[in-house]
Amino acid sequence: MAKFIRNFAEKAPSMVAAAVTYSKPRLATFWHYAKVELVPPTPAEIPTAIQSVKKIIQSAKTGSFKHLTVKEAVLNGLVATEVWMWFYIGEIIGKRGIVGCDV
């Protein structure tokens, strides 16, 4: 056991250095995209979002969504699934658990 601890203590600094070297560029990329994608909408973007929702509702009323290409339909489905999953993640965080609420 002492040999294991000694070997671990000798190798730990190099393993930590390797982990830091490996993680730095990936974290930089993550932060770059997080700063762009995870910001709330600006007041200038809200009217655009409202128009987009109105366009979706109009598309549902007139049936023009039936004329989407498969690629567009799959992309719309993926976006809807992402929004749905973020809603559930928020619910889980709010409940502080996956199952049920403390009532």
C-alpha atoms as a PDB file:
ATOM      1  CA  MET A   1       0.000   0.000   0.000  1.00  0.00           C
ATOM      2  CA  ALA A   2       2.821   2.400   0.826  1.00  0.00           C
ATOM      3  CA  LYS A   3       4.378   1.702  -2.580  1.00  0.00           C
ATOM      4  CA  PHE A   4       1.104   2.570  -4.285  1.00  0.00           C
ATOM      5  CA  ILE A   5       0.808   5.847  -2.403  1.00  0.00           C
ATOM      6  CA  ARG A   6       4.428   6.751  -3.141  1.00  0.00           C
ATOM      7  CA  ASN A   7       3.975   5.980  -6.863  1.00  0.00           C
ATOM      8  CA  PHE A   8       0.771   7.976  -6.928  1.00  0.00           C
ATOM      9  CA  ALA A   9       2.406  10.932  -5.182  1.00  0.00           C
ATOM     10  CA  GLU A  10       5.254  10.854  -7.712  1.00  0.00           C
ATOM     11  CA  LYS A  11       2.966  10.653 -10.744  1.00  0.00           C
ATOM     12  CA  ALA A  12       0.197  13.013  -9.552  1.00  0.00           C
ATOM     13  CA  PRO A  13       1.866  16.306 -10.620  1.00  0.00           C
ATOM     14  CA  SER A  14       2.502  15.037 -14.152  1.00  0.00           C
ATOM     15  CA  MET A  15      -1.062  13.665 -14.415  1.00  0.00           C
ATOM     16  CA  VAL A  16      -2.515  16.978 -13.240  1.00  0.00           C
ATOM     17  CA  ALA A  17      -0.318  18.874 -15.702  1.00  0.00           C
ATOM     18  CA  ALA A  18      -1.464  16.589 -18.528  1.00  0.00           C
ATOM     19  CA  ALA A  19      -5.115  17.063 -17.538  1.00  0.00           C
ATOM     20  CA  VAL A  20      -4.702  20.856 -17.489  1.00  0.00           C
ATOM     21  CA  THR A  21      -2.929  20.819 -20.857  1.00  0.00           C
ATOM     22  CA  TYR A  22      -5.689  18.658 -22.323  1.00  0.00           C
ATOM     23  CA  SER A  23      -8.530  20.731 -20.851  1.00  0.00           C
ATOM     24  CA  LYS A  24      -7.412  24.303 -21.542  1.00  0.00           C
ATOM     25  CA  PRO A  25      -8.221  24.489 -25.286  1.00  0.00           C
ATOM     26  CA  ARG A  26     -11.491  22.628 -24.815  1.00  0.00           C
ATOM     27  CA  LEU A  27     -12.593  24.907 -21.999  1.00  0.00           C
ATOM     28  CA  ALA A  28     -11.625  27.960 -24.050  1.00  0.00           C
ATOM     29  CA  THR A  29     -13.828  26.726 -26.891  1.00  0.00           C
ATOM     30  CA  PHE A  30     -16.669  25.984 -24.479  1.00  0.00           C
ATOM     31  CA  TRP A  31     -16.507  29.459 -22.915  1.00  0.00           C
ATOM     32  CA  HIS A  32     -16.371  31.094 -26.337  1.00  0.00           C
ATOM     33  CA  TYR A  33     -19.616  29.427 -27.408  1.00  0.00           C
ATOM     34  CA  ALA A  34     -21.222  29.760 -23.975  1.00  0.00           C
ATOM     35  CA  LYS A  35     -20.768  33.540 -24.035  1.00  0.00           C
ATOM     36  CA  VAL A  36     -22.497  33.696 -27.424  1.00  0.00           C
ATOM     37  CA  GLU A  37     -25.220  31.064 -27.109  1.00  0.00           C
ATOM     38  CA  LEU A  38     -26.247  31.203 -23.449  1.00  0.00           C
ATOM     39  CA  VAL A  39     -26.957  34.903 -23.089  1.00  0.00           C
ATOM     40  CA  PRO A  40     -30.541  36.110 -22.641  1.00  0.00           C
ATOM     41  CA  PRO A  41     -32.127  37.915 -25.569  1.00  0.00           C
ATOM     42  CA  THR A  42     -31.579  41.633 -25.873  1.00  0.00           C
ATOM     43  CA  PRO A  43     -34.597  43.939 -26.051  1.00  0.00           C
ATOM     44  CA  ALA A  44     -33.902  44.399 -29.776  1.00  0.00           C
ATOM     45  CA  GLU A  45     -34.257  40.633 -30.373  1.00  0.00           C
ATOM     46  CA  ILE A  46     -37.647  40.265 -28.666  1.00  0.00           C
ATOM     47  CA  PRO A  47     -39.764  41.636 -31.564  1.00  0.00           C
ATOM     48  CA  THR A  48     -37.987  39.229 -33.921  1.00  0.00           C
ATOM     49  CA  ALA A  49     -38.852  36.324 -31.618  1.00  0.00           C
ATOM     50  CA  ILE A  50     -42.493  37.431 -31.443  1.00  0.00           C
ATOM     51  CA  GLN A  51     -42.671  37.596 -35.243  1.00  0.00           C
ATOM     52  CA  SER A  52     -41.165  34.131 -35.442  1.00  0.00           C
ATOM     53  CA  VAL A  53     -43.817  32.725 -33.091  1.00  0.00           C
ATOM     54  CA  LYS A  54     -46.568  34.454 -35.097  1.00  0.00           C
ATOM     55  CA  LYS A  55     -45.135  32.905 -38.278  1.00  0.00           C
ATOM     56  CA  ILE A  56     -45.190  29.427 -36.688  1.00  0.00           C
ATOM     57  CA  ILE A  57     -48.805  29.883 -35.560  1.00  0.00           C
ATOM     58  CA  GLN A  58     -49.806  31.090 -39.033  1.00  0.00           C
ATOM     59  CA  SER A  59     -48.030  28.099 -40.554  1.00  0.00           C
ATOM     60  CA  ALA A  60     -50.014  25.778 -38.293  1.00  0.00           C
ATOM     61  CA  LYS A  61     -53.301  27.486 -39.223  1.00  0.00           C
ATOM     62  CA  THR A  62     -52.740  27.405 -42.973  1.00  0.00           C
ATOM     63  CA  GLY A  63     -51.023  24.018 -43.143  1.00  0.00           C
ATOM     64  CA  SER A  64     -47.956  25.368 -44.918  1.00  0.00           C
ATOM     65  CA  PHE A  65     -45.755  23.309 -42.586  1.00  0.00           C
ATOM     66  CA  LYS A  66     -46.667  20.327 -44.765  1.00  0.00           C
ATOM     67  CA  HIS A  67     -44.432  21.728 -47.492  1.00  0.00           C
ATOM     68  CA  LEU A  68     -41.212  21.617 -45.451  1.00  0.00           C
ATOM     69  CA  THR A  69     -38.313  19.545 -46.683  1.00  0.00           C
ATOM     70  CA  VAL A  70     -37.277  16.573 -44.576  1.00  0.00           C
ATOM     71  CA  LYS A  71     -34.131  18.409 -43.507  1.00  0.00           C
ATOM     72  CA  GLU A  72     -36.125  21.448 -42.328  1.00  0.00           C
ATOM     73  CA  ALA A  73     -38.640  19.235 -40.497  1.00  0.00           C
ATOM     74  CA  VAL A  74     -35.879  17.309 -38.709  1.00  0.00           C
ATOM     75  CA  LEU A  75     -34.135  20.544 -37.762  1.00  0.00           C
ATOM     76  CA  ASN A  76     -37.384  21.991 -36.389  1.00  0.00           C
ATOM     77  CA  GLY A  77     -37.962  18.784 -34.444  1.00  0.00           C
ATOM     78  CA  LEU A  78     -34.471  18.924 -32.946  1.00  0.00           C
ATOM     79  CA  VAL A  79     -34.919  22.547 -31.882  1.00  0.00           C
ATOM     80  CA  ALA A  80     -38.277  21.733 -30.282  1.00  0.00           C
ATOM     81  CA  THR A  81     -36.734  18.753 -28.483  1.00  0.00           C
ATOM     82  CA  GLU A  82     -33.899  20.924 -27.178  1.00  0.00           C
ATOM     83  CA  VAL A  83     -36.340  23.497 -25.796  1.00  0.00           C
ATOM     84  CA  TRP A  84     -38.407  20.715 -24.253  1.00  0.00           C
ATOM     85  CA  MET A  85     -35.348  19.134 -22.587  1.00  0.00           C
ATOM     86  CA  TRP A  86     -34.152  22.499 -21.196  1.00  0.00           C
ATOM     87  CA  PHE A  87     -37.626  22.926 -19.690  1.00  0.00           C
ATOM     88  CA  TYR A  88     -37.356  19.537 -17.977  1.00  0.00           C
ATOM     89  CA  ILE A  89     -33.829  20.242 -16.774  1.00  0.00           C
ATOM     90  CA  GLY A  90     -35.133  23.471 -15.223  1.00  0.00           C
ATOM     91  CA  GLU A  91     -37.928  21.536 -13.557  1.00  0.00           C
ATOM     92  CA  ILE A  92     -35.459  19.020 -12.124  1.00  0.00           C
ATOM     93  CA  ILE A  93     -33.251  21.814 -10.812  1.00  0.00           C
ATOM     94  CA  GLY A  94     -36.277  23.584  -9.336  1.00  0.00           C
ATOM     95  CA  LYS A  95     -37.548  20.430  -7.620  1.00  0.00           C
ATOM     96  CA  ARG A  96     -34.032  19.452  -6.556  1.00  0.00           C
ATOM     97  CA  GLY A  97     -34.773  15.913  -7.610  1.00  0.00           C
ATOM     98  CA  ILE A  98     -35.758  13.840 -10.605  1.00  0.00           C
ATOM     99  CA  VAL A  99     -38.909  12.243  -9.194  1.00  0.00           C
ATOM    100  CA  GLY A 100     -41.798  13.980  -7.477  1.00  0.00           C
ATOM    101  CA  CYS A 101     -42.162  17.040  -5.335  1.00  0.00           C
ATOM    102  CA  ASP A 102     -42.103  17.335  -1.570  1.00  0.00           C
ATOM    103  CA  VAL A 103     -45.655  18.317  -0.751  1.00  0.00           C
END
